[in-house]
Protein backbone atom coordinates (compact mmCIF):
# COMPACT_ATOMS: atom_id res chain seq x y z
CA MET A 1 18.58 72.19 3.80
CA ARG A 2 16.43 71.18 0.88
CA ILE A 3 17.46 73.27 -2.13
CA SER A 4 15.74 73.67 -5.48
CA GLU A 5 18.28 75.94 -7.19
CA ILE A 6 20.87 78.70 -6.79
CA PHE A 7 21.42 81.20 -9.58
CA THR A 8 22.25 84.85 -10.27
CA SER A 9 19.77 87.09 -12.03
CA VAL A 10 17.78 90.30 -11.42
CA GLN A 11 14.99 90.69 -8.89
CA GLY A 12 11.87 90.95 -11.01
CA GLU A 13 9.35 92.20 -8.44
CA GLY A 14 8.78 93.83 -5.07
CA PRO A 15 10.78 96.54 -3.27
CA SER A 16 14.14 95.45 -4.74
CA ILE A 17 12.88 95.25 -8.33
CA GLY A 18 15.66 95.66 -10.88
CA ARG A 19 18.52 94.82 -8.51
CA PRO A 20 20.95 92.06 -9.49
CA ALA A 21 20.85 89.28 -6.91
CA VAL A 22 21.88 85.75 -6.09
CA PHE A 23 18.73 83.67 -5.69
CA LEU A 24 18.44 80.77 -3.27
CA ARG A 25 15.27 78.85 -4.05
CA LEU A 26 14.32 76.43 -1.31
CA SER A 27 12.16 73.37 -1.85
CA ASN A 28 8.87 72.44 -0.17
CA CYS A 29 5.76 74.55 0.23
CA ASN A 30 2.73 74.27 2.50
CA LEU A 31 0.42 75.83 -0.13
CA ARG A 32 -0.60 74.87 -3.65
CA CYS A 33 -1.66 78.13 -5.29
CA ALA A 34 -3.51 77.73 -8.58
CA TRP A 35 -1.32 80.24 -10.43
CA CYS A 36 2.06 79.30 -8.89
CA ASP A 37 4.89 79.65 -11.42
CA THR A 38 7.39 77.54 -9.46
CA GLU A 39 5.49 74.30 -8.93
CA TYR A 40 8.76 72.42 -9.41
CA ALA A 41 9.85 73.71 -5.97
CA TRP A 42 6.84 72.25 -4.14
CA SER A 43 8.41 68.89 -3.45
CA THR A 44 11.58 68.33 -5.46
CA GLY A 45 15.09 69.38 -4.51
CA GLU A 46 18.42 68.26 -3.12
CA GLU A 47 19.41 67.90 0.53
CA ARG A 48 22.53 69.93 1.24
CA SER A 49 24.30 71.17 4.35
CA VAL A 50 24.23 74.84 5.33
CA GLY A 51 27.98 74.94 4.70
CA GLU A 52 27.60 73.62 1.14
CA VAL A 53 24.91 76.19 0.37
CA VAL A 54 27.01 79.02 1.82
CA GLU A 55 29.95 77.92 -0.32
CA GLU A 56 27.92 77.99 -3.55
CA ILE A 57 26.32 81.36 -2.80
CA ALA A 58 29.72 82.78 -1.85
CA GLY A 59 31.06 81.53 -5.18
CA GLU A 60 28.33 83.41 -7.04
CA LEU A 61 29.00 86.59 -5.03
CA GLU A 62 32.72 86.33 -5.77
CA THR A 63 32.10 85.73 -9.47
CA TYR A 64 29.71 88.69 -9.66
CA SER A 65 31.59 90.97 -7.29
CA ARG A 66 29.19 93.90 -7.58
CA VAL A 67 26.14 91.85 -6.62
CA ARG A 68 25.43 92.29 -2.93
CA LEU A 69 21.86 91.07 -2.58
CA VAL A 70 20.74 87.53 -1.80
CA VAL A 71 17.06 86.71 -2.32
CA VAL A 72 15.71 83.63 -0.55
CA THR A 73 12.54 82.33 -2.17
CA GLY A 74 10.70 79.08 -2.62
CA GLY A 75 8.69 77.06 -2.10
CA GLU A 76 8.13 78.44 1.39
CA PRO A 77 11.46 79.48 2.94
CA LEU A 78 10.16 79.80 6.52
CA LEU A 79 9.69 76.03 6.64
CA GLN A 80 13.51 76.00 6.94
CA LYS A 81 13.89 79.15 9.05
CA ASN A 82 16.30 77.65 11.60
CA GLU A 83 18.79 76.70 8.89
CA LEU A 84 18.27 80.10 7.26
CA VAL A 85 19.19 81.94 10.45
CA GLU A 86 22.50 80.06 10.47
CA LEU A 87 23.08 80.57 6.75
CA VAL A 88 22.39 84.32 6.84
CA GLY A 89 24.69 84.76 9.83
CA VAL A 90 27.59 83.05 8.07
CA LEU A 91 27.06 84.92 4.80
CA LYS A 92 26.94 88.31 6.52
CA LYS A 93 30.21 87.55 8.29
CA LYS A 94 31.83 86.72 4.95
CA PHE A 95 30.36 89.73 3.14
CA SER A 96 29.86 92.69 5.46
CA ASP A 97 27.98 94.73 2.85
CA LEU A 98 25.56 91.95 1.93
CA GLU A 99 21.79 92.42 2.02
CA VAL A 100 19.42 89.48 2.37
CA GLU A 101 15.70 89.45 1.70
CA VAL A 102 13.35 86.52 2.21
CA GLU A 103 10.07 85.98 0.41
CA THR A 104 7.29 84.19 2.30
CA ASN A 105 3.59 83.41 2.09
CA CYS A 106 3.47 84.52 5.77
CA THR A 107 1.60 81.46 7.02
CA VAL A 108 4.60 80.34 9.12
CA ASP A 109 5.93 82.09 12.25
CA PRO A 110 9.08 83.94 11.13
CA GLY A 111 10.80 83.34 14.48
CA GLY A 112 14.24 84.90 14.78
CA LEU A 113 14.79 85.06 11.02
CA ILE A 114 13.34 88.56 10.72
CA GLU A 115 16.00 89.80 13.13
CA VAL A 116 18.90 88.78 10.86
CA VAL A 117 17.56 89.66 7.39
CA ASP A 118 17.27 93.11 5.82
CA ARG A 119 13.79 92.65 4.35
CA LEU A 120 11.00 90.13 4.74
CA ILE A 121 8.64 90.21 1.76
CA ALA A 122 5.33 88.76 2.93
CA SER A 123 2.93 87.76 0.17
CA PRO A 124 -0.42 86.90 1.78
CA LYS A 125 -2.47 84.72 -0.53
CA LEU A 126 -5.95 85.88 -1.52
CA SER A 127 -8.92 83.75 -2.49
CA ASN A 128 -7.75 84.03 -6.13
CA SER A 129 -5.01 81.55 -5.16
CA GLY A 130 -7.61 78.78 -4.94
CA MET A 131 -6.48 77.93 -1.41
CA PRO A 132 -9.01 77.76 1.46
CA GLU A 133 -8.81 80.61 3.97
CA ARG A 134 -7.71 78.34 6.83
CA ALA A 135 -4.68 77.17 4.82
CA ARG A 136 -3.52 80.64 3.71
CA ARG A 137 -4.20 82.51 6.96
CA CYS A 138 -1.21 84.62 8.00
CA SER A 139 0.65 83.82 11.20
CA GLU A 140 -0.32 86.32 13.90
CA LYS A 141 3.39 86.69 14.72
CA PHE A 142 3.58 89.11 11.78
CA PHE A 143 0.99 91.48 13.24
CA ASP A 144 2.62 92.68 16.46
CA LEU A 145 6.26 93.08 15.54
CA PRO A 146 8.26 95.78 17.37
CA GLU A 147 8.77 98.89 15.25
CA ASP A 148 12.41 98.17 14.34
CA LEU A 149 11.44 94.77 12.95
CA LYS A 150 8.20 95.95 11.37
CA ASN A 151 10.31 98.35 9.29
CA LYS A 152 11.84 95.30 7.60
CA LEU A 153 8.44 94.01 6.50
CA TYR A 154 6.86 94.57 3.08
CA LEU A 155 3.61 93.19 1.70
CA LYS A 156 3.10 91.98 -1.86
CA PHE A 157 -0.33 90.94 -3.13
CA VAL A 158 -1.03 89.04 -6.34
CA VAL A 159 -4.03 90.77 -7.94
CA GLU A 160 -6.29 89.56 -10.74
CA ASP A 161 -9.18 92.07 -10.84
CA PHE A 162 -10.98 94.88 -9.02
CA GLY A 163 -12.80 92.33 -6.88
CA ASP A 164 -9.55 91.62 -5.03
CA LEU A 165 -9.33 95.12 -3.52
CA LYS A 166 -11.59 94.57 -0.50
CA GLU A 167 -9.66 91.44 0.44
CA VAL A 168 -6.31 93.19 -0.01
CA GLU A 169 -7.35 96.04 2.26
CA GLU A 170 -8.74 93.70 4.93
CA VAL A 171 -5.51 91.68 5.04
CA ALA A 172 -3.19 94.70 4.83
CA LYS A 173 -4.98 96.31 7.79
CA LEU A 174 -3.91 93.41 10.01
CA PHE A 175 -0.24 94.31 9.50
CA SER A 176 -0.60 98.01 10.39
CA ILE A 177 2.15 99.16 8.03
CA SER A 178 2.43 102.18 5.77
CA PRO A 179 0.81 101.96 2.30
CA HIS A 180 4.18 102.70 0.68
CA ARG A 181 5.35 99.26 1.85
CA VAL A 182 2.37 97.49 0.28
CA PHE A 183 2.82 96.33 -3.33
CA LEU A 184 0.14 95.23 -5.79
CA MET A 185 1.38 92.87 -8.49
CA PRO A 186 -0.54 91.49 -11.49
CA GLN A 187 -1.17 87.77 -11.61
CA ALA A 188 0.41 86.99 -14.95
CA SER A 189 2.51 84.38 -16.68
CA THR A 190 2.32 85.94 -20.17
CA LEU A 191 2.86 89.44 -21.54
CA GLU A 192 -0.80 89.61 -22.57
CA GLU A 193 -1.99 88.83 -19.04
CA LEU A 194 0.53 91.28 -17.59
CA SER A 195 -0.62 94.11 -19.86
CA THR A 196 -4.30 93.53 -19.14
CA ARG A 197 -4.00 93.16 -15.39
CA MET A 198 -1.42 95.92 -14.98
CA LYS A 199 -4.14 98.40 -15.95
CA VAL A 200 -6.24 97.12 -13.04
CA VAL A 201 -3.30 97.27 -10.64
CA VAL A 202 -2.41 100.84 -11.59
CA ASP A 203 -6.00 101.96 -11.06
CA LEU A 204 -6.13 100.29 -7.65
CA ALA A 205 -2.78 101.84 -6.64
CA VAL A 206 -4.00 105.33 -7.51
CA ARG A 207 -7.11 104.75 -5.38
CA THR A 208 -5.32 103.31 -2.36
CA GLY A 209 -1.80 104.77 -2.25
CA TYR A 210 -0.31 101.27 -2.49
CA ARG A 211 2.68 100.75 -4.77
CA VAL A 212 2.81 98.84 -8.06
CA SER A 213 5.19 95.98 -8.74
CA ASP A 214 5.97 94.89 -12.27
CA ARG A 215 7.03 91.32 -13.10
CA LEU A 216 10.28 91.80 -15.00
CA GLN A 217 10.80 88.07 -15.35
CA VAL A 218 7.62 87.91 -17.43
CA VAL A 219 8.55 91.02 -19.45
CA GLY A 220 12.04 89.73 -20.22
CA SER A 221 11.40 85.98 -20.18
CA PHE A 222 14.12 85.26 -17.65
CA ARG A 223 14.08 83.46 -14.34
């Protein structure tokens, strides 16, 4: 596996916001979003075996014995989905109460990974990402999941202004999931941007029934 970093912190966004977690950041990404805040994970990283990665994550979970969430992020984690299936299986055998969620740009077929994780957080990229539509188009494998697997799926959209709403609704419709599993999150890397765009996001959420995600890592200046 190609690994960028492993660390313990608090999930800053999405359905598990506020929960302490061990983060596994994988390297390599098939997109180059204009506002990406983890460009260092696009191409750098260290090659490590699944066993080595399991050992380090297990060490974090043993050190922080009340943390029982692992968040796999990137980069684009689904580029290494086969290794992730193995890794998640081993971790869940070691820690029976462990939850695992994977963040993805949803351009890559999730394969069997969605069957072994607890949540798959799909973040479809809008035109505000600066990526052409053909590059950021979601894999159709996300659209026709059986109900038990669809219940593991959440959507998270990065929003800049009111003009993004039509695009959000068009993309969300493809997934056919409940509005309470759709999150709108401000595009922000500073507190000033977060404050300004949060007002837009709150207004859109009230109109649509979608949920709002903060960005605690921006609020608290932590990773």
